[in-house]
Amino acid sequence: MTLTKTIVSAGGVVYRCDESTGPQVVLVIPVAEPERWALPKGLLDLGESIEEAALREVAEETGLQTTIESILGVSEYDFIRQYPGDSEPVAYHKTVHYFLMRHVGGELLAAANDEIAHASWVPIMQALERITFKGERDVLRIVRDRLLAHSG
């Protein structure tokens, strides 16, 4: 029987309010999965808090500086993947901590890096249509409801 590896990630929904389109959020397309629209997130570094990891990962993947406003929730799921360095596919149990993050500075990365092929600001309703995975769509629905409640 194969042992399941446990991994923990953190990230968030970065938002800004645009007068013409309403609330916008950042979606990214990972280099390794070019058909996937996702929220920026990544693994915790050794000794790093969940909040520190979320802020760092969002900055690395988007180029933006943010501030955490609130916890959005935790998503857990299982998958099997063969990462570089794995001799065979491995079963993973992943926990992702999501935060609502307000954009406070910086500009979106203009060019791809080794992790992210593309990052863009997307109106929240379009983001709900584009996002690939149900767990992230559920997180975006929470954000939509919060932002629209405060703007109306």
N, C-alpha and C. Protein backbone atom coordinates (compact mmCIF):
# COMPACT_ATOMS: atom_id res chain seq x y z
N MET A 1 0.84 -1.19 0.00
CA MET A 1 0.00 0.00 0.00
C MET A 1 0.88 1.25 0.00
N THR A 2 0.52 2.21 -0.83
CA THR A 2 1.27 3.45 -0.95
C THR A 2 0.89 4.42 0.17
N LEU A 3 1.88 5.01 0.77
CA LEU A 3 1.66 6.01 1.81
C LEU A 3 1.20 7.32 1.17
N THR A 4 0.22 7.97 1.76
CA THR A 4 -0.25 9.26 1.26
C THR A 4 0.58 10.36 1.90
N LYS A 5 1.10 11.25 1.06
CA LYS A 5 1.84 12.42 1.56
C LYS A 5 0.85 13.54 1.83
N THR A 6 1.07 14.25 2.93
CA THR A 6 0.23 15.39 3.29
C THR A 6 0.97 16.67 2.94
N ILE A 7 0.29 17.58 2.25
CA ILE A 7 0.88 18.87 1.92
C ILE A 7 -0.09 19.98 2.30
N VAL A 8 0.47 21.13 2.67
CA VAL A 8 -0.34 22.28 3.09
C VAL A 8 0.06 23.49 2.25
N SER A 9 -0.95 24.15 1.71
CA SER A 9 -0.76 25.35 0.90
C SER A 9 -1.56 26.50 1.49
N ALA A 10 -1.21 27.70 1.06
CA ALA A 10 -1.96 28.89 1.46
C ALA A 10 -1.96 29.87 0.30
N GLY A 11 -3.03 30.63 0.22
CA GLY A 11 -3.15 31.63 -0.84
C GLY A 11 -4.39 32.44 -0.60
N GLY A 12 -4.87 33.03 -1.67
CA GLY A 12 -6.05 33.82 -1.43
C GLY A 12 -6.70 34.38 -2.65
N VAL A 13 -7.77 35.10 -2.37
CA VAL A 13 -8.50 35.84 -3.38
C VAL A 13 -8.09 37.30 -3.20
N VAL A 14 -7.33 37.79 -4.17
CA VAL A 14 -6.90 39.19 -4.17
C VAL A 14 -7.98 39.98 -4.89
N TYR A 15 -8.45 41.07 -4.28
CA TYR A 15 -9.50 41.85 -4.92
C TYR A 15 -9.16 43.33 -4.95
N ARG A 16 -9.85 44.01 -5.85
CA ARG A 16 -9.88 45.47 -5.92
C ARG A 16 -11.26 45.84 -6.44
N CYS A 17 -11.66 47.06 -6.16
CA CYS A 17 -12.96 47.53 -6.65
C CYS A 17 -12.72 48.48 -7.82
N ASP A 18 -13.37 48.19 -8.93
CA ASP A 18 -13.26 48.98 -10.15
C ASP A 18 -14.62 49.64 -10.40
N GLU A 19 -14.63 50.96 -10.61
CA GLU A 19 -15.90 51.67 -10.75
C GLU A 19 -16.70 51.20 -11.95
N SER A 20 -16.04 50.78 -13.03
CA SER A 20 -16.78 50.39 -14.23
C SER A 20 -17.23 48.93 -14.22
N THR A 21 -16.43 48.03 -13.64
CA THR A 21 -16.79 46.60 -13.69
C THR A 21 -17.22 46.04 -12.35
N GLY A 22 -17.08 46.80 -11.28
CA GLY A 22 -17.36 46.27 -9.95
C GLY A 22 -16.16 45.52 -9.43
N PRO A 23 -16.34 44.66 -8.43
CA PRO A 23 -15.21 43.95 -7.84
C PRO A 23 -14.47 43.08 -8.87
N GLN A 24 -13.14 43.14 -8.80
CA GLN A 24 -12.28 42.30 -9.64
C GLN A 24 -11.39 41.46 -8.74
N VAL A 25 -11.05 40.26 -9.21
CA VAL A 25 -10.15 39.38 -8.49
C VAL A 25 -9.06 38.91 -9.43
N VAL A 26 -7.97 38.40 -8.85
CA VAL A 26 -6.85 37.92 -9.66
C VAL A 26 -6.97 36.41 -9.85
N LEU A 27 -6.88 35.99 -11.10
CA LEU A 27 -6.78 34.57 -11.44
C LEU A 27 -5.44 34.34 -12.12
N VAL A 28 -4.89 33.15 -11.94
CA VAL A 28 -3.61 32.80 -12.55
C VAL A 28 -3.76 31.52 -13.36
N ILE A 29 -2.86 31.36 -14.32
CA ILE A 29 -2.76 30.12 -15.09
C ILE A 29 -1.38 29.54 -14.80
N PRO A 30 -1.31 28.40 -14.11
CA PRO A 30 -0.01 27.79 -13.80
C PRO A 30 0.69 27.29 -15.08
N VAL A 31 2.01 27.41 -15.11
CA VAL A 31 2.80 26.93 -16.24
C VAL A 31 2.57 25.44 -16.47
N ALA A 32 2.54 24.66 -15.40
CA ALA A 32 2.43 23.21 -15.51
C ALA A 32 1.05 22.76 -15.97
N GLU A 33 0.05 23.63 -15.84
CA GLU A 33 -1.32 23.25 -16.21
C GLU A 33 -1.96 24.40 -16.99
N PRO A 34 -1.58 24.55 -18.28
CA PRO A 34 -1.98 25.72 -19.06
C PRO A 34 -3.48 25.84 -19.34
N GLU A 35 -4.25 24.81 -19.07
CA GLU A 35 -5.69 24.88 -19.29
C GLU A 35 -6.47 25.20 -18.02
N ARG A 36 -5.77 25.56 -16.95
CA ARG A 36 -6.40 25.72 -15.64
C ARG A 36 -6.35 27.17 -15.17
N TRP A 37 -7.51 27.75 -14.87
CA TRP A 37 -7.58 29.04 -14.19
C TRP A 37 -7.68 28.77 -12.70
N ALA A 38 -6.86 29.44 -11.90
CA ALA A 38 -6.78 29.12 -10.48
C ALA A 38 -6.59 30.38 -9.65
N LEU A 39 -6.71 30.19 -8.34
CA LEU A 39 -6.36 31.24 -7.38
C LEU A 39 -4.88 31.10 -7.05
N PRO A 40 -4.18 32.20 -6.80
CA PRO A 40 -2.76 32.11 -6.43
C PRO A 40 -2.60 31.45 -5.06
N LYS A 41 -1.72 30.46 -5.00
CA LYS A 41 -1.47 29.74 -3.75
C LYS A 41 -0.21 28.92 -3.91
N GLY A 42 0.32 28.45 -2.78
CA GLY A 42 1.50 27.60 -2.84
C GLY A 42 1.82 27.01 -1.48
N LEU A 43 2.83 26.16 -1.49
CA LEU A 43 3.23 25.43 -0.29
C LEU A 43 3.89 26.32 0.74
N LEU A 44 3.71 25.97 2.01
CA LEU A 44 4.38 26.67 3.09
C LEU A 44 5.86 26.33 3.09
N ASP A 45 6.70 27.32 3.38
CA ASP A 45 8.12 27.08 3.61
C ASP A 45 8.31 26.68 5.07
N LEU A 46 9.41 26.01 5.35
CA LEU A 46 9.71 25.56 6.71
C LEU A 46 9.69 26.74 7.68
N GLY A 47 8.93 26.62 8.77
CA GLY A 47 8.86 27.65 9.80
C GLY A 47 7.94 28.81 9.48
N GLU A 48 7.30 28.78 8.35
CA GLU A 48 6.44 29.88 7.91
C GLU A 48 5.01 29.67 8.40
N SER A 49 4.35 30.74 8.83
CA SER A 49 2.95 30.63 9.22
C SER A 49 2.09 30.55 7.96
N ILE A 50 0.86 30.13 8.14
CA ILE A 50 -0.08 30.05 7.02
C ILE A 50 -0.28 31.43 6.40
N GLU A 51 -0.42 32.45 7.23
CA GLU A 51 -0.62 33.82 6.74
C GLU A 51 0.61 34.31 5.98
N GLU A 52 1.81 34.05 6.52
CA GLU A 52 3.04 34.47 5.83
C GLU A 52 3.16 33.79 4.47
N ALA A 53 2.82 32.51 4.43
CA ALA A 53 2.89 31.77 3.16
C ALA A 53 1.90 32.35 2.15
N ALA A 54 0.70 32.65 2.59
CA ALA A 54 -0.31 33.21 1.68
C ALA A 54 0.18 34.53 1.08
N LEU A 55 0.69 35.42 1.92
CA LEU A 55 1.19 36.71 1.43
C LEU A 55 2.36 36.53 0.47
N ARG A 56 3.30 35.64 0.82
CA ARG A 56 4.48 35.40 -0.02
C ARG A 56 4.08 34.78 -1.36
N GLU A 57 3.26 33.75 -1.31
CA GLU A 57 2.88 33.06 -2.54
C GLU A 57 2.11 33.98 -3.49
N VAL A 58 1.20 34.77 -2.95
CA VAL A 58 0.45 35.69 -3.80
C VAL A 58 1.41 36.70 -4.43
N ALA A 59 2.36 37.22 -3.66
CA ALA A 59 3.33 38.17 -4.21
C ALA A 59 4.18 37.51 -5.30
N GLU A 60 4.65 36.30 -5.05
CA GLU A 60 5.49 35.61 -6.04
C GLU A 60 4.72 35.30 -7.33
N GLU A 61 3.46 34.90 -7.20
CA GLU A 61 2.71 34.47 -8.37
C GLU A 61 2.03 35.61 -9.12
N THR A 62 1.87 36.77 -8.47
CA THR A 62 1.16 37.87 -9.13
C THR A 62 1.96 39.16 -9.24
N GLY A 63 2.94 39.38 -8.37
CA GLY A 63 3.66 40.65 -8.33
C GLY A 63 2.98 41.69 -7.45
N LEU A 64 1.88 41.32 -6.81
CA LEU A 64 1.09 42.27 -6.03
C LEU A 64 1.41 42.20 -4.54
N GLN A 65 1.33 43.35 -3.89
CA GLN A 65 1.39 43.40 -2.43
C GLN A 65 -0.06 43.44 -1.95
N THR A 66 -0.33 42.69 -0.89
CA THR A 66 -1.69 42.58 -0.39
C THR A 66 -1.70 42.65 1.12
N THR A 67 -2.88 42.81 1.66
CA THR A 67 -3.08 42.70 3.09
C THR A 67 -4.23 41.72 3.32
N ILE A 68 -4.08 40.89 4.32
CA ILE A 68 -5.13 39.91 4.62
C ILE A 68 -6.24 40.60 5.40
N GLU A 69 -7.47 40.44 4.90
CA GLU A 69 -8.63 41.02 5.58
C GLU A 69 -9.37 39.98 6.42
N SER A 70 -9.45 38.75 5.93
CA SER A 70 -10.17 37.73 6.68
C SER A 70 -9.84 36.34 6.15
N ILE A 71 -10.19 35.34 6.93
CA ILE A 71 -10.06 33.94 6.52
C ILE A 71 -11.29 33.60 5.69
N LEU A 72 -11.09 32.92 4.55
CA LEU A 72 -12.22 32.50 3.73
C LEU A 72 -12.59 31.04 3.96
N GLY A 73 -11.62 30.25 4.36
CA GLY A 73 -11.92 28.85 4.60
C GLY A 73 -10.77 27.95 4.22
N VAL A 74 -11.02 26.67 4.37
CA VAL A 74 -10.02 25.64 4.10
C VAL A 74 -10.64 24.62 3.16
N SER A 75 -9.87 24.22 2.17
CA SER A 75 -10.29 23.20 1.22
C SER A 75 -9.36 22.01 1.36
N GLU A 76 -9.91 20.80 1.39
CA GLU A 76 -9.10 19.59 1.45
C GLU A 76 -9.48 18.66 0.32
N TYR A 77 -8.49 18.05 -0.31
CA TYR A 77 -8.76 17.10 -1.38
C TYR A 77 -7.58 16.17 -1.56
N ASP A 78 -7.85 15.07 -2.26
CA ASP A 78 -6.84 14.06 -2.53
C ASP A 78 -6.59 13.98 -4.03
N PHE A 79 -5.34 13.69 -4.39
CA PHE A 79 -5.02 13.51 -5.80
C PHE A 79 -3.77 12.65 -5.91
N ILE A 80 -3.54 12.16 -7.11
CA ILE A 80 -2.34 11.36 -7.40
C ILE A 80 -1.58 12.07 -8.51
N ARG A 81 -0.28 12.26 -8.30
CA ARG A 81 0.53 12.96 -9.29
C ARG A 81 1.97 12.49 -9.19
N GLN A 82 2.66 12.55 -10.30
CA GLN A 82 4.09 12.26 -10.31
C GLN A 82 4.81 13.58 -10.56
N TYR A 83 5.33 14.16 -9.47
CA TYR A 83 6.08 15.40 -9.57
C TYR A 83 7.51 15.10 -9.99
N PRO A 84 8.21 16.10 -10.53
CA PRO A 84 9.64 15.88 -10.83
C PRO A 84 10.36 15.39 -9.58
N GLY A 85 11.15 14.37 -9.72
CA GLY A 85 11.87 13.80 -8.60
C GLY A 85 11.18 12.59 -8.00
N ASP A 86 9.88 12.41 -8.29
CA ASP A 86 9.17 11.22 -7.83
C ASP A 86 9.48 10.07 -8.78
N SER A 87 9.79 8.89 -8.24
CA SER A 87 10.07 7.73 -9.08
C SER A 87 8.80 7.11 -9.65
N GLU A 88 7.68 7.39 -9.00
CA GLU A 88 6.38 6.89 -9.46
C GLU A 88 5.29 7.83 -8.95
N PRO A 89 4.07 7.71 -9.48
CA PRO A 89 2.99 8.57 -8.97
C PRO A 89 2.79 8.39 -7.47
N VAL A 90 2.45 9.50 -6.81
CA VAL A 90 2.30 9.53 -5.35
C VAL A 90 0.89 10.02 -5.02
N ALA A 91 0.29 9.44 -3.99
CA ALA A 91 -1.01 9.90 -3.48
C ALA A 91 -0.76 11.06 -2.51
N TYR A 92 -1.51 12.14 -2.69
CA TYR A 92 -1.38 13.32 -1.83
C TYR A 92 -2.71 13.66 -1.20
N HIS A 93 -2.66 14.14 0.04
CA HIS A 93 -3.80 14.77 0.70
C HIS A 93 -3.38 16.23 0.89
N LYS A 94 -4.11 17.14 0.24
CA LYS A 94 -3.74 18.55 0.26
C LYS A 94 -4.77 19.37 1.02
N THR A 95 -4.27 20.26 1.88
CA THR A 95 -5.09 21.22 2.60
C THR A 95 -4.67 22.61 2.12
N VAL A 96 -5.63 23.42 1.68
CA VAL A 96 -5.35 24.77 1.21
C VAL A 96 -6.13 25.76 2.07
N HIS A 97 -5.41 26.73 2.64
CA HIS A 97 -6.00 27.80 3.45
C HIS A 97 -6.14 29.03 2.56
N TYR A 98 -7.38 29.55 2.47
CA TYR A 98 -7.65 30.71 1.63
C TYR A 98 -7.98 31.93 2.48
N PHE A 99 -7.49 33.08 2.03
CA PHE A 99 -7.73 34.35 2.71
C PHE A 99 -8.28 35.37 1.71
N LEU A 100 -9.09 36.29 2.22
CA LEU A 100 -9.51 37.44 1.44
C LEU A 100 -8.40 38.47 1.57
N MET A 101 -7.86 38.91 0.44
CA MET A 101 -6.68 39.78 0.43
C MET A 101 -6.95 41.02 -0.42
N ARG A 102 -6.77 42.18 0.16
CA ARG A 102 -6.97 43.44 -0.56
C ARG A 102 -5.66 43.86 -1.21
N HIS A 103 -5.74 44.26 -2.47
CA HIS A 103 -4.58 44.76 -3.20
C HIS A 103 -4.18 46.12 -2.63
N VAL A 104 -2.90 46.24 -2.22
CA VAL A 104 -2.43 47.50 -1.66
C VAL A 104 -1.25 48.09 -2.43
N GLY A 105 -0.68 47.35 -3.39
CA GLY A 105 0.43 47.89 -4.15
C GLY A 105 0.95 46.90 -5.18
N GLY A 106 1.80 47.41 -6.04
CA GLY A 106 2.41 46.58 -7.06
C GLY A 106 1.51 46.42 -8.28
N GLU A 107 2.11 45.88 -9.33
CA GLU A 107 1.40 45.63 -10.59
C GLU A 107 1.49 44.16 -10.91
N LEU A 108 0.49 43.65 -11.64
CA LEU A 108 0.54 42.26 -12.06
C LEU A 108 1.79 42.00 -12.88
N LEU A 109 2.35 40.81 -12.71
CA LEU A 109 3.53 40.43 -13.48
C LEU A 109 3.23 40.54 -14.97
N ALA A 110 4.12 41.18 -15.70
CA ALA A 110 3.91 41.38 -17.14
C ALA A 110 4.32 40.16 -17.95
N ALA A 111 5.19 39.33 -17.40
CA ALA A 111 5.68 38.16 -18.14
C ALA A 111 5.58 36.92 -17.27
N ALA A 112 5.55 35.79 -17.93
CA ALA A 112 5.48 34.51 -17.22
C ALA A 112 6.75 34.31 -16.39
N ASN A 113 6.61 33.54 -15.30
CA ASN A 113 7.78 33.13 -14.54
C ASN A 113 7.80 31.60 -14.51
N ASP A 114 8.61 31.00 -13.66
CA ASP A 114 8.73 29.54 -13.69
C ASP A 114 7.50 28.82 -13.14
N GLU A 115 6.58 29.55 -12.48
CA GLU A 115 5.38 28.92 -11.93
C GLU A 115 4.09 29.34 -12.64
N ILE A 116 4.02 30.60 -13.04
CA ILE A 116 2.78 31.17 -13.56
C ILE A 116 2.96 31.64 -15.00
N ALA A 117 2.08 31.14 -15.88
CA ALA A 117 2.11 31.53 -17.29
C ALA A 117 1.42 32.88 -17.50
N HIS A 118 0.39 33.15 -16.69
CA HIS A 118 -0.40 34.37 -16.89
C HIS A 118 -1.15 34.70 -15.59
N ALA A 119 -1.27 35.98 -15.31
CA ALA A 119 -2.09 36.47 -14.19
C ALA A 119 -2.92 37.63 -14.71
N SER A 120 -4.18 37.69 -14.30
CA SER A 120 -5.00 38.80 -14.76
C SER A 120 -6.08 39.17 -13.76
N TRP A 121 -6.46 40.45 -13.82
CA TRP A 121 -7.61 40.94 -13.06
C TRP A 121 -8.85 40.56 -13.84
N VAL A 122 -9.84 39.98 -13.15
CA VAL A 122 -11.05 39.51 -13.81
C VAL A 122 -12.25 39.95 -12.97
N PRO A 123 -13.29 40.52 -13.60
CA PRO A 123 -14.50 40.83 -12.83
C PRO A 123 -15.00 39.56 -12.14
N ILE A 124 -15.48 39.71 -10.92
CA ILE A 124 -15.82 38.56 -10.08
C ILE A 124 -16.79 37.60 -10.76
N MET A 125 -17.79 38.11 -11.50
CA MET A 125 -18.75 37.21 -12.14
C MET A 125 -18.08 36.39 -13.25
N GLN A 126 -17.16 36.99 -14.00
CA GLN A 126 -16.42 36.25 -15.02
C GLN A 126 -15.46 35.25 -14.38
N ALA A 127 -14.89 35.63 -13.25
CA ALA A 127 -13.97 34.72 -12.55
C ALA A 127 -14.70 33.45 -12.13
N LEU A 128 -15.95 33.58 -11.69
CA LEU A 128 -16.75 32.42 -11.30
C LEU A 128 -16.96 31.48 -12.49
N GLU A 129 -17.05 32.03 -13.69
CA GLU A 129 -17.23 31.20 -14.89
C GLU A 129 -15.91 30.56 -15.33
N ARG A 130 -14.80 31.26 -15.14
CA ARG A 130 -13.49 30.78 -15.62
C ARG A 130 -12.80 29.78 -14.70
N ILE A 131 -12.97 29.94 -13.40
CA ILE A 131 -12.20 29.13 -12.44
C ILE A 131 -12.44 27.64 -12.71
N THR A 132 -11.39 26.85 -12.62
CA THR A 132 -11.46 25.45 -13.03
C THR A 132 -12.08 24.54 -11.99
N PHE A 133 -11.64 24.65 -10.74
CA PHE A 133 -12.04 23.67 -9.74
C PHE A 133 -13.18 24.16 -8.85
N LYS A 134 -14.09 23.24 -8.50
CA LYS A 134 -15.26 23.55 -7.69
C LYS A 134 -14.88 24.16 -6.34
N GLY A 135 -13.86 23.64 -5.65
CA GLY A 135 -13.47 24.17 -4.36
C GLY A 135 -13.09 25.64 -4.43
N GLU A 136 -12.38 26.03 -5.49
CA GLU A 136 -12.01 27.43 -5.66
C GLU A 136 -13.22 28.26 -6.08
N ARG A 137 -14.13 27.68 -6.86
CA ARG A 137 -15.37 28.37 -7.22
C ARG A 137 -16.19 28.66 -5.97
N ASP A 138 -16.24 27.70 -5.04
CA ASP A 138 -16.96 27.91 -3.79
C ASP A 138 -16.36 29.07 -2.99
N VAL A 139 -15.04 29.17 -2.97
CA VAL A 139 -14.36 30.27 -2.28
C VAL A 139 -14.70 31.59 -2.96
N LEU A 140 -14.71 31.61 -4.29
CA LEU A 140 -15.05 32.84 -5.01
C LEU A 140 -16.50 33.26 -4.76
N ARG A 141 -17.40 32.30 -4.59
CA ARG A 141 -18.80 32.65 -4.28
C ARG A 141 -18.90 33.37 -2.94
N ILE A 142 -18.12 32.94 -1.96
CA ILE A 142 -18.09 33.60 -0.66
C ILE A 142 -17.61 35.05 -0.83
N VAL A 143 -16.55 35.22 -1.62
CA VAL A 143 -16.00 36.56 -1.87
C VAL A 143 -17.01 37.42 -2.61
N ARG A 144 -17.63 36.87 -3.64
CA ARG A 144 -18.66 37.62 -4.38
C ARG A 144 -19.73 38.14 -3.43
N ASP A 145 -20.26 37.25 -2.58
CA ASP A 145 -21.32 37.64 -1.67
C ASP A 145 -20.86 38.73 -0.69
N ARG A 146 -19.64 38.61 -0.17
CA ARG A 146 -19.11 39.62 0.76
C ARG A 146 -18.90 40.96 0.09
N LEU A 147 -18.27 40.94 -1.10
CA LEU A 147 -17.96 42.20 -1.78
C LEU A 147 -19.21 42.89 -2.28
N LEU A 148 -20.15 42.14 -2.82
CA LEU A 148 -21.38 42.75 -3.32
C LEU A 148 -22.24 43.27 -2.18
N ALA A 149 -22.21 42.61 -1.02
CA ALA A 149 -22.97 43.08 0.15
C ALA A 149 -22.41 44.42 0.63
N HIS A 150 -21.08 44.62 0.52
CA HIS A 150 -20.46 45.86 0.99
C HIS A 150 -20.54 46.98 -0.04
N SER A 151 -20.71 46.64 -1.32
CA SER A 151 -20.74 47.68 -2.35
C SER A 151 -22.17 48.16 -2.65
N GLY A 152 -23.16 47.38 -2.18
CA GLY A 152 -24.56 47.72 -2.50
C GLY A 152 -25.18 48.45 -1.45
